[in-house]
Amino acid sequence: MNTSRHHDEAVTRRQGFTLTEIMVAMGVFSLVMASAVPTFIMCQRSWALTSVQLQAAQKASAAVERLVYGVGLQYGLRSAVSTSVVVTAGTDWSVAYRDIAGNSNQFTYSSSARQLVYDGPDTAGGVVVGKNITTATVSHSADGISIRVTAGVTEGRFSATNTMTTYVAYRN
């Protein structure tokens, strides 16, 4: 009987945590949180910057794709008749050409508006094919046209630019 009394006494005394155990647990928890919070903040910043960089890449890629392949059902520079291409170069530039179907087309870059505009047979007043274009250059040769487009994106304190360059060889 004496043995069971000691056992019951030990169980009843052990029904909670001591102050020392709670303090040690709080210390370990604090250390874990002190390392987790900065890691979380770093990941959030990295995600935001990567998102802005991706948006800039998508804008530049889409603008170059529309220049090369066209807008909607309209032909792009890839189908330009080499003898019909007229490039007016400068800070603001334009490329006018006739496509294989004989339609007149034109791409225009405005540095003040920071956009590329397409004007073709089925577009009244032009269609914006690239926004937030910080710089764009074209150079024309007898065999083709070289295009360089830089798009920029700013969100909050994060900003990024991305440059896409291509050369379109005339097919005829």
N, C-alpha and C. Protein backbone atom coordinates (compact mmCIF):
# COMPACT_ATOMS: atom_id res chain seq x y z
N MET A 1 0.81 -1.18 0.00
CA MET A 1 0.00 0.00 0.00
C MET A 1 0.86 1.25 0.00
N ASN A 2 1.92 1.17 0.65
CA ASN A 2 2.85 2.28 0.72
C ASN A 2 3.39 2.63 -0.66
N THR A 3 3.62 1.66 -1.49
CA THR A 3 4.16 1.86 -2.83
C THR A 3 3.17 2.64 -3.69
N SER A 4 1.93 2.32 -3.58
CA SER A 4 0.95 3.01 -4.42
C SER A 4 0.79 4.47 -3.99
N ARG A 5 0.96 4.77 -2.71
CA ARG A 5 0.86 6.15 -2.25
C ARG A 5 1.98 7.01 -2.86
N HIS A 6 3.18 6.46 -2.94
CA HIS A 6 4.29 7.20 -3.54
C HIS A 6 4.04 7.42 -5.03
N HIS A 7 3.48 6.43 -5.67
CA HIS A 7 3.18 6.55 -7.09
C HIS A 7 2.11 7.62 -7.34
N ASP A 8 1.06 7.63 -6.55
CA ASP A 8 0.00 8.63 -6.69
C ASP A 8 0.54 10.02 -6.41
N GLU A 9 1.40 10.14 -5.43
CA GLU A 9 1.97 11.42 -5.06
C GLU A 9 2.84 11.97 -6.20
N ALA A 10 3.60 11.12 -6.87
CA ALA A 10 4.47 11.53 -7.98
C ALA A 10 3.64 11.97 -9.17
N VAL A 11 2.54 11.29 -9.42
CA VAL A 11 1.67 11.64 -10.53
C VAL A 11 1.00 12.98 -10.28
N THR A 12 0.51 13.21 -9.07
CA THR A 12 -0.18 14.46 -8.79
C THR A 12 0.77 15.63 -8.80
N ARG A 13 2.01 15.47 -8.45
CA ARG A 13 2.96 16.56 -8.48
C ARG A 13 3.40 16.90 -9.90
N ARG A 14 3.27 16.01 -10.84
CA ARG A 14 3.79 16.16 -12.19
C ARG A 14 2.69 16.55 -13.18
N GLN A 15 1.70 17.28 -12.81
CA GLN A 15 0.59 17.61 -13.69
C GLN A 15 0.79 18.91 -14.46
N GLY A 16 1.89 19.58 -14.45
CA GLY A 16 2.11 20.83 -15.19
C GLY A 16 3.59 20.99 -15.49
N PHE A 17 3.90 22.11 -16.14
CA PHE A 17 5.28 22.41 -16.46
C PHE A 17 5.85 23.34 -15.41
N THR A 18 7.11 23.19 -15.19
CA THR A 18 7.77 24.09 -14.23
C THR A 18 8.11 25.38 -14.94
N LEU A 19 8.40 26.39 -14.20
CA LEU A 19 8.78 27.69 -14.75
C LEU A 19 10.04 27.56 -15.61
N THR A 20 10.96 26.76 -15.21
CA THR A 20 12.20 26.55 -15.97
C THR A 20 11.89 25.92 -17.33
N GLU A 21 11.02 24.93 -17.36
CA GLU A 21 10.66 24.29 -18.62
C GLU A 21 9.97 25.28 -19.57
N ILE A 22 9.11 26.09 -19.04
CA ILE A 22 8.41 27.08 -19.86
C ILE A 22 9.40 28.10 -20.41
N MET A 23 10.34 28.54 -19.59
CA MET A 23 11.35 29.52 -20.02
C MET A 23 12.25 28.93 -21.12
N VAL A 24 12.64 27.68 -20.99
CA VAL A 24 13.46 27.04 -22.02
C VAL A 24 12.67 26.91 -23.31
N ALA A 25 11.41 26.53 -23.24
CA ALA A 25 10.57 26.40 -24.43
C ALA A 25 10.39 27.75 -25.12
N MET A 26 10.19 28.80 -24.32
CA MET A 26 10.05 30.15 -24.88
C MET A 26 11.34 30.59 -25.56
N GLY A 27 12.46 30.25 -24.99
CA GLY A 27 13.75 30.60 -25.58
C GLY A 27 13.96 29.91 -26.92
N VAL A 28 13.65 28.62 -26.99
CA VAL A 28 13.78 27.86 -28.23
C VAL A 28 12.82 28.42 -29.28
N PHE A 29 11.59 28.69 -28.88
CA PHE A 29 10.60 29.26 -29.80
C PHE A 29 11.07 30.61 -30.33
N SER A 30 11.62 31.44 -29.46
CA SER A 30 12.12 32.76 -29.87
C SER A 30 13.25 32.63 -30.89
N LEU A 31 14.15 31.69 -30.68
CA LEU A 31 15.24 31.48 -31.62
C LEU A 31 14.73 31.02 -32.99
N VAL A 32 13.78 30.13 -32.98
CA VAL A 32 13.20 29.65 -34.24
C VAL A 32 12.52 30.79 -34.98
N MET A 33 11.74 31.59 -34.26
CA MET A 33 11.04 32.71 -34.89
C MET A 33 12.02 33.79 -35.36
N ALA A 34 13.08 34.02 -34.61
CA ALA A 34 14.06 35.03 -34.98
C ALA A 34 14.76 34.66 -36.29
N SER A 35 14.88 33.40 -36.59
CA SER A 35 15.48 33.00 -37.86
C SER A 35 14.44 32.84 -38.96
N ALA A 36 13.21 32.52 -38.62
CA ALA A 36 12.17 32.29 -39.62
C ALA A 36 11.63 33.59 -40.21
N VAL A 37 11.46 34.62 -39.40
CA VAL A 37 10.87 35.88 -39.89
C VAL A 37 11.77 36.53 -40.95
N PRO A 38 13.07 36.71 -40.73
CA PRO A 38 13.90 37.28 -41.80
C PRO A 38 13.92 36.43 -43.07
N THR A 39 13.88 35.13 -42.92
CA THR A 39 13.84 34.25 -44.09
C THR A 39 12.55 34.46 -44.86
N PHE A 40 11.44 34.58 -44.15
CA PHE A 40 10.15 34.83 -44.79
C PHE A 40 10.17 36.17 -45.53
N ILE A 41 10.70 37.21 -44.90
CA ILE A 41 10.77 38.54 -45.52
C ILE A 41 11.65 38.49 -46.77
N MET A 42 12.78 37.80 -46.68
CA MET A 42 13.68 37.67 -47.83
C MET A 42 12.98 36.95 -48.99
N CYS A 43 12.23 35.90 -48.67
CA CYS A 43 11.50 35.17 -49.71
C CYS A 43 10.43 36.04 -50.36
N GLN A 44 9.74 36.85 -49.58
CA GLN A 44 8.71 37.75 -50.12
C GLN A 44 9.34 38.75 -51.08
N ARG A 45 10.47 39.34 -50.70
CA ARG A 45 11.15 40.31 -51.55
C ARG A 45 11.65 39.64 -52.83
N SER A 46 12.20 38.46 -52.70
CA SER A 46 12.69 37.73 -53.86
C SER A 46 11.55 37.41 -54.82
N TRP A 47 10.41 37.00 -54.28
CA TRP A 47 9.25 36.71 -55.11
C TRP A 47 8.78 37.96 -55.84
N ALA A 48 8.71 39.11 -55.15
CA ALA A 48 8.25 40.35 -55.77
C ALA A 48 9.20 40.78 -56.88
N LEU A 49 10.50 40.70 -56.65
CA LEU A 49 11.48 41.08 -57.68
C LEU A 49 11.41 40.14 -58.87
N THR A 50 11.29 38.86 -58.63
CA THR A 50 11.19 37.89 -59.72
C THR A 50 9.93 38.12 -60.54
N SER A 51 8.85 38.47 -59.87
CA SER A 51 7.59 38.75 -60.56
C SER A 51 7.74 39.95 -61.49
N VAL A 52 8.41 41.01 -61.02
CA VAL A 52 8.62 42.20 -61.85
C VAL A 52 9.53 41.87 -63.03
N GLN A 53 10.57 41.08 -62.80
CA GLN A 53 11.47 40.69 -63.88
C GLN A 53 10.74 39.86 -64.93
N LEU A 54 9.88 38.97 -64.48
CA LEU A 54 9.10 38.14 -65.40
C LEU A 54 8.15 38.99 -66.24
N GLN A 55 7.51 39.96 -65.63
CA GLN A 55 6.60 40.84 -66.37
C GLN A 55 7.35 41.62 -67.45
N ALA A 56 8.55 42.11 -67.12
CA ALA A 56 9.36 42.85 -68.10
C ALA A 56 9.74 41.94 -69.26
N ALA A 57 10.13 40.71 -68.96
CA ALA A 57 10.49 39.75 -70.01
C ALA A 57 9.29 39.44 -70.90
N GLN A 58 8.13 39.28 -70.30
CA GLN A 58 6.92 38.97 -71.08
C GLN A 58 6.54 40.14 -71.99
N LYS A 59 6.65 41.36 -71.49
CA LYS A 59 6.31 42.53 -72.31
C LYS A 59 7.25 42.66 -73.50
N ALA A 60 8.55 42.50 -73.26
CA ALA A 60 9.52 42.62 -74.35
C ALA A 60 9.32 41.49 -75.37
N SER A 61 9.12 40.29 -74.89
CA SER A 61 8.93 39.14 -75.78
C SER A 61 7.66 39.30 -76.62
N ALA A 62 6.58 39.75 -76.00
CA ALA A 62 5.32 39.92 -76.73
C ALA A 62 5.45 40.99 -77.80
N ALA A 63 6.15 42.09 -77.50
CA ALA A 63 6.32 43.16 -78.48
C ALA A 63 7.12 42.66 -79.69
N VAL A 64 8.21 41.95 -79.44
CA VAL A 64 9.03 41.43 -80.54
C VAL A 64 8.24 40.40 -81.35
N GLU A 65 7.50 39.55 -80.67
CA GLU A 65 6.69 38.55 -81.37
C GLU A 65 5.68 39.20 -82.31
N ARG A 66 5.04 40.26 -81.86
CA ARG A 66 4.05 40.94 -82.70
C ARG A 66 4.71 41.67 -83.86
N LEU A 67 5.91 42.21 -83.64
CA LEU A 67 6.63 42.83 -84.75
C LEU A 67 6.98 41.79 -85.82
N VAL A 68 7.44 40.65 -85.40
CA VAL A 68 7.89 39.63 -86.33
C VAL A 68 6.73 38.90 -86.99
N TYR A 69 5.77 38.44 -86.20
CA TYR A 69 4.71 37.57 -86.72
C TYR A 69 3.40 38.29 -87.04
N GLY A 70 3.22 39.51 -86.55
CA GLY A 70 2.03 40.28 -86.88
C GLY A 70 1.03 40.34 -85.74
N VAL A 71 -0.06 41.03 -86.01
CA VAL A 71 -1.10 41.26 -85.03
C VAL A 71 -2.39 40.63 -85.55
N GLY A 72 -2.96 39.73 -84.77
CA GLY A 72 -4.18 39.07 -85.22
C GLY A 72 -3.94 38.30 -86.50
N LEU A 73 -4.73 38.60 -87.52
CA LEU A 73 -4.58 37.93 -88.81
C LEU A 73 -3.66 38.71 -89.76
N GLN A 74 -3.10 39.82 -89.30
CA GLN A 74 -2.22 40.64 -90.14
C GLN A 74 -0.81 40.09 -90.12
N TYR A 75 -0.12 40.24 -91.23
CA TYR A 75 1.25 39.75 -91.37
C TYR A 75 2.24 40.70 -90.69
N GLY A 76 3.26 40.13 -90.09
CA GLY A 76 4.32 40.93 -89.47
C GLY A 76 5.49 41.11 -90.42
N LEU A 77 6.61 41.57 -89.86
CA LEU A 77 7.80 41.84 -90.67
C LEU A 77 8.36 40.59 -91.34
N ARG A 78 8.02 39.45 -90.83
CA ARG A 78 8.50 38.20 -91.41
C ARG A 78 8.00 38.00 -92.84
N SER A 79 6.86 38.59 -93.14
CA SER A 79 6.30 38.44 -94.48
C SER A 79 6.48 39.69 -95.34
N ALA A 80 7.34 40.61 -94.91
CA ALA A 80 7.53 41.85 -95.66
C ALA A 80 8.25 41.58 -96.98
N VAL A 81 7.79 42.26 -98.02
CA VAL A 81 8.46 42.21 -99.31
C VAL A 81 9.67 43.13 -99.19
N SER A 82 10.87 42.59 -99.44
CA SER A 82 12.11 43.32 -99.14
C SER A 82 12.19 44.67 -99.84
N THR A 83 11.69 44.78 -101.05
CA THR A 83 11.79 46.05 -101.79
C THR A 83 10.82 47.10 -101.28
N SER A 84 9.86 46.72 -100.45
CA SER A 84 8.85 47.68 -99.99
C SER A 84 9.14 48.23 -98.60
N VAL A 85 10.17 47.76 -97.92
CA VAL A 85 10.43 48.16 -96.54
C VAL A 85 11.06 49.55 -96.50
N VAL A 86 10.45 50.44 -95.74
CA VAL A 86 10.97 51.79 -95.55
C VAL A 86 11.11 52.02 -94.05
N VAL A 87 12.35 52.29 -93.62
CA VAL A 87 12.62 52.52 -92.20
C VAL A 87 12.94 53.99 -92.00
N THR A 88 12.21 54.64 -91.12
CA THR A 88 12.51 56.00 -90.70
C THR A 88 13.08 55.89 -89.30
N ALA A 89 14.41 55.98 -89.20
CA ALA A 89 15.08 55.73 -87.92
C ALA A 89 15.26 57.02 -87.13
N GLY A 90 15.52 56.84 -85.85
CA GLY A 90 15.73 57.95 -84.93
C GLY A 90 15.28 57.52 -83.55
N THR A 91 15.12 58.49 -82.64
CA THR A 91 14.62 58.16 -81.31
C THR A 91 13.21 57.58 -81.41
N ASP A 92 12.39 58.23 -82.21
CA ASP A 92 11.09 57.68 -82.59
C ASP A 92 11.27 57.16 -84.02
N TRP A 93 10.82 55.96 -84.29
CA TRP A 93 11.02 55.39 -85.61
C TRP A 93 9.76 54.73 -86.12
N SER A 94 9.79 54.44 -87.41
CA SER A 94 8.68 53.69 -88.00
C SER A 94 9.23 52.77 -89.09
N VAL A 95 8.53 51.69 -89.29
CA VAL A 95 8.86 50.73 -90.33
C VAL A 95 7.57 50.51 -91.13
N ALA A 96 7.60 50.91 -92.38
CA ALA A 96 6.45 50.71 -93.27
C ALA A 96 6.84 49.65 -94.29
N TYR A 97 5.89 48.79 -94.63
CA TYR A 97 6.17 47.70 -95.58
C TYR A 97 4.87 47.17 -96.17
N ARG A 98 5.05 46.44 -97.26
CA ARG A 98 3.94 45.71 -97.87
C ARG A 98 4.18 44.23 -97.58
N ASP A 99 3.10 43.55 -97.22
CA ASP A 99 3.24 42.12 -96.94
C ASP A 99 3.02 41.31 -98.22
N ILE A 100 3.10 40.01 -98.12
CA ILE A 100 2.97 39.15 -99.30
C ILE A 100 1.59 39.21 -99.94
N ALA A 101 0.59 39.69 -99.18
CA ALA A 101 -0.76 39.84 -99.73
C ALA A 101 -0.94 41.21 -100.39
N GLY A 102 0.09 42.08 -100.31
CA GLY A 102 0.02 43.40 -100.93
C GLY A 102 -0.53 44.49 -100.02
N ASN A 103 -0.81 44.17 -98.76
CA ASN A 103 -1.35 45.16 -97.82
C ASN A 103 -0.24 46.04 -97.25
N SER A 104 -0.57 47.31 -97.03
CA SER A 104 0.37 48.24 -96.40
C SER A 104 0.27 48.10 -94.89
N ASN A 105 1.43 48.02 -94.23
CA ASN A 105 1.50 47.88 -92.78
C ASN A 105 2.55 48.84 -92.25
N GLN A 106 2.41 49.19 -90.98
CA GLN A 106 3.41 50.07 -90.37
C GLN A 106 3.49 49.83 -88.87
N PHE A 107 4.72 49.76 -88.37
CA PHE A 107 4.99 49.75 -86.94
C PHE A 107 5.65 51.07 -86.59
N THR A 108 5.21 51.68 -85.50
CA THR A 108 5.77 52.97 -85.08
C THR A 108 6.12 52.90 -83.61
N TYR A 109 7.30 53.42 -83.27
CA TYR A 109 7.72 53.50 -81.86
C TYR A 109 7.73 54.96 -81.44
N SER A 110 7.09 55.24 -80.32
CA SER A 110 7.07 56.58 -79.74
C SER A 110 7.77 56.53 -78.38
N SER A 111 8.91 57.21 -78.28
CA SER A 111 9.66 57.19 -77.02
C SER A 111 8.94 57.97 -75.92
N SER A 112 8.21 59.01 -76.29
CA SER A 112 7.49 59.78 -75.26
C SER A 112 6.31 59.00 -74.70
N ALA A 113 5.62 58.24 -75.55
CA ALA A 113 4.50 57.42 -75.09
C ALA A 113 4.97 56.06 -74.59
N ARG A 114 6.22 55.71 -74.87
CA ARG A 114 6.82 54.44 -74.49
C ARG A 114 6.00 53.24 -74.99
N GLN A 115 5.63 53.31 -76.28
CA GLN A 115 4.84 52.21 -76.82
C GLN A 115 5.11 51.99 -78.31
N LEU A 116 4.83 50.77 -78.72
CA LEU A 116 4.89 50.37 -80.13
C LEU A 116 3.45 50.25 -80.63
N VAL A 117 3.21 50.79 -81.83
CA VAL A 117 1.86 50.78 -82.40
C VAL A 117 1.92 50.16 -83.79
N TYR A 118 0.95 49.31 -84.08
CA TYR A 118 0.81 48.71 -85.40
C TYR A 118 -0.36 49.36 -86.10
N ASP A 119 -0.18 49.71 -87.37
CA ASP A 119 -1.27 50.24 -88.18
C ASP A 119 -1.28 49.45 -89.48
N GLY A 120 -2.39 48.78 -89.73
CA GLY A 120 -2.51 47.94 -90.91
C GLY A 120 -3.86 48.06 -91.55
N PRO A 121 -4.17 47.15 -92.46
CA PRO A 121 -5.41 47.24 -93.23
C PRO A 121 -6.69 47.19 -92.40
N ASP A 122 -6.72 46.41 -91.34
CA ASP A 122 -7.96 46.28 -90.57
C ASP A 122 -7.90 46.99 -89.22
N THR A 123 -6.97 47.92 -89.08
CA THR A 123 -6.86 48.63 -87.80
C THR A 123 -7.07 50.12 -88.04
N ALA A 124 -8.08 50.66 -87.42
CA ALA A 124 -8.36 52.09 -87.54
C ALA A 124 -7.65 52.82 -86.41
N GLY A 125 -6.66 53.61 -86.75
CA GLY A 125 -5.95 54.39 -85.75
C GLY A 125 -4.82 53.65 -85.06
N GLY A 126 -4.62 52.42 -85.38
CA GLY A 126 -3.50 51.66 -84.82
C GLY A 126 -3.86 50.85 -83.60
N VAL A 127 -3.05 49.82 -83.37
CA VAL A 127 -3.20 48.92 -82.24
C VAL A 127 -1.89 48.93 -81.46
N VAL A 128 -1.97 49.15 -80.17
CA VAL A 128 -0.77 49.14 -79.33
C VAL A 128 -0.31 47.70 -79.19
N VAL A 129 0.93 47.43 -79.61
CA VAL A 129 1.47 46.08 -79.54
C VAL A 129 2.52 45.94 -78.44
N GLY A 130 2.93 47.06 -77.85
CA GLY A 130 3.90 47.00 -76.76
C GLY A 130 3.81 48.25 -75.90
N LYS A 131 3.63 48.04 -74.59
CA LYS A 131 3.58 49.16 -73.64
C LYS A 131 4.81 49.09 -72.73
N ASN A 132 5.13 50.23 -72.13
CA ASN A 132 6.29 50.35 -71.24
C ASN A 132 7.58 49.96 -71.95
N ILE A 133 7.68 50.33 -73.21
CA ILE A 133 8.89 50.07 -74.00
C ILE A 133 9.83 51.25 -73.76
N THR A 134 10.88 51.02 -72.98
CA THR A 134 11.78 52.12 -72.62
C THR A 134 12.67 52.54 -73.78
N THR A 135 13.16 51.58 -74.55
CA THR A 135 13.93 51.89 -75.75
C THR A 135 13.61 50.84 -76.81
N ALA A 136 13.71 51.27 -78.05
CA ALA A 136 13.53 50.35 -79.18
C ALA A 136 14.35 50.90 -80.34
N THR A 137 15.06 50.02 -81.01
CA THR A 137 15.85 50.43 -82.16
C THR A 137 15.63 49.46 -83.31
N VAL A 138 15.77 49.97 -84.51
CA VAL A 138 15.72 49.15 -85.71
C VAL A 138 16.87 49.55 -86.61
N SER A 139 17.40 48.57 -87.33
CA SER A 139 18.38 48.88 -88.37
C SER A 139 18.06 47.98 -89.55
N HIS A 140 18.11 48.58 -90.71
CA HIS A 140 17.64 47.95 -91.94
C HIS A 140 18.84 47.65 -92.83
N SER A 141 18.82 46.48 -93.42
CA SER A 141 19.83 46.12 -94.42
C SER A 141 19.10 45.54 -95.63
N ALA A 142 19.84 45.22 -96.65
CA ALA A 142 19.21 44.67 -97.86
C ALA A 142 18.59 43.30 -97.62
N ASP A 143 19.16 42.55 -96.66
CA ASP A 143 18.70 41.18 -96.42
C ASP A 143 17.66 41.06 -95.32
N GLY A 144 17.53 42.07 -94.46
CA GLY A 144 16.59 41.97 -93.35
C GLY A 144 16.61 43.17 -92.45
N ILE A 145 16.03 42.99 -91.29
CA ILE A 145 15.90 44.09 -90.34
C ILE A 145 16.23 43.58 -88.94
N SER A 146 17.02 44.35 -88.21
CA SER A 146 17.39 44.01 -86.84
C SER A 146 16.54 44.85 -85.88
N ILE A 147 15.98 44.20 -84.88
CA ILE A 147 15.08 44.87 -83.94
C ILE A 147 15.58 44.62 -82.53
N ARG A 148 15.58 45.66 -81.72
CA ARG A 148 15.97 45.55 -80.31
C ARG A 148 14.93 46.31 -79.49
N VAL A 149 14.28 45.62 -78.56
CA VAL A 149 13.21 46.21 -77.75
C VAL A 149 13.54 45.99 -76.27
N THR A 150 13.45 47.06 -75.48
CA THR A 150 13.66 46.97 -74.03
C THR A 150 12.37 47.41 -73.34
N ALA A 151 11.83 46.52 -72.52
CA ALA A 151 10.60 46.82 -71.77
C ALA A 151 10.95 46.97 -70.30
N GLY A 152 10.28 47.89 -69.64
CA GLY A 152 10.52 48.12 -68.22
C GLY A 152 9.23 48.02 -67.42
N VAL A 153 9.35 47.52 -66.20
CA VAL A 153 8.20 47.40 -65.30
C VAL A 153 8.64 47.88 -63.92
N THR A 154 7.77 48.65 -63.27
CA THR A 154 8.02 49.11 -61.90
C THR A 154 6.78 48.81 -61.07
N GLU A 155 6.99 48.15 -59.95
CA GLU A 155 5.92 47.89 -58.98
C GLU A 155 6.46 48.19 -57.60
N GLY A 156 5.94 49.22 -56.99
CA GLY A 156 6.43 49.60 -55.67
C GLY A 156 7.89 50.01 -55.75
N ARG A 157 8.71 49.40 -54.93
CA ARG A 157 10.13 49.75 -54.95
C ARG A 157 10.96 48.84 -55.85
N PHE A 158 10.31 47.93 -56.55
CA PHE A 158 11.01 47.01 -57.44
C PHE A 158 10.81 47.44 -58.89
N SER A 159 11.89 47.40 -59.65
CA SER A 159 11.79 47.69 -61.08
C SER A 159 12.76 46.79 -61.82
N ALA A 160 12.42 46.50 -63.08
CA ALA A 160 13.24 45.63 -63.90
C ALA A 160 13.06 45.99 -65.36
N THR A 161 14.09 45.72 -66.14
CA THR A 161 14.01 45.87 -67.59
C THR A 161 14.46 44.58 -68.23
N ASN A 162 14.00 44.35 -69.44
CA ASN A 162 14.41 43.17 -70.18
C ASN A 162 14.52 43.56 -71.65
N THR A 163 15.58 43.11 -72.29
CA THR A 163 15.82 43.45 -73.68
C THR A 163 15.74 42.20 -74.55
N MET A 164 15.02 42.31 -75.65
CA MET A 164 14.91 41.24 -76.62
C MET A 164 15.44 41.78 -77.95
N THR A 165 16.23 40.98 -78.60
CA THR A 165 16.81 41.36 -79.89
C THR A 165 16.56 40.23 -80.88
N THR A 166 16.23 40.62 -82.12
CA THR A 166 16.04 39.61 -83.15
C THR A 166 16.43 40.20 -84.51
N TYR A 167 16.68 39.32 -85.42
CA TYR A 167 16.96 39.71 -86.80
C TYR A 167 15.95 38.98 -87.68
N VAL A 168 15.24 39.73 -88.50
CA VAL A 168 14.25 39.14 -89.39
C VAL A 168 14.80 39.20 -90.81
N ALA A 169 15.08 38.04 -91.37
CA ALA A 169 15.57 37.97 -92.75
C ALA A 169 14.37 38.02 -93.70
N TYR A 170 14.52 38.82 -94.75
CA TYR A 170 13.45 38.89 -95.75
C TYR A 170 13.43 37.60 -96.54
N ARG A 171 12.25 37.14 -96.87
CA ARG A 171 12.11 35.87 -97.57
C ARG A 171 12.13 36.04 -99.08
N ASN A 172 11.98 37.26 -99.55
CA ASN A 172 11.92 37.45 -101.00
C ASN A 172 12.73 38.63 -101.43
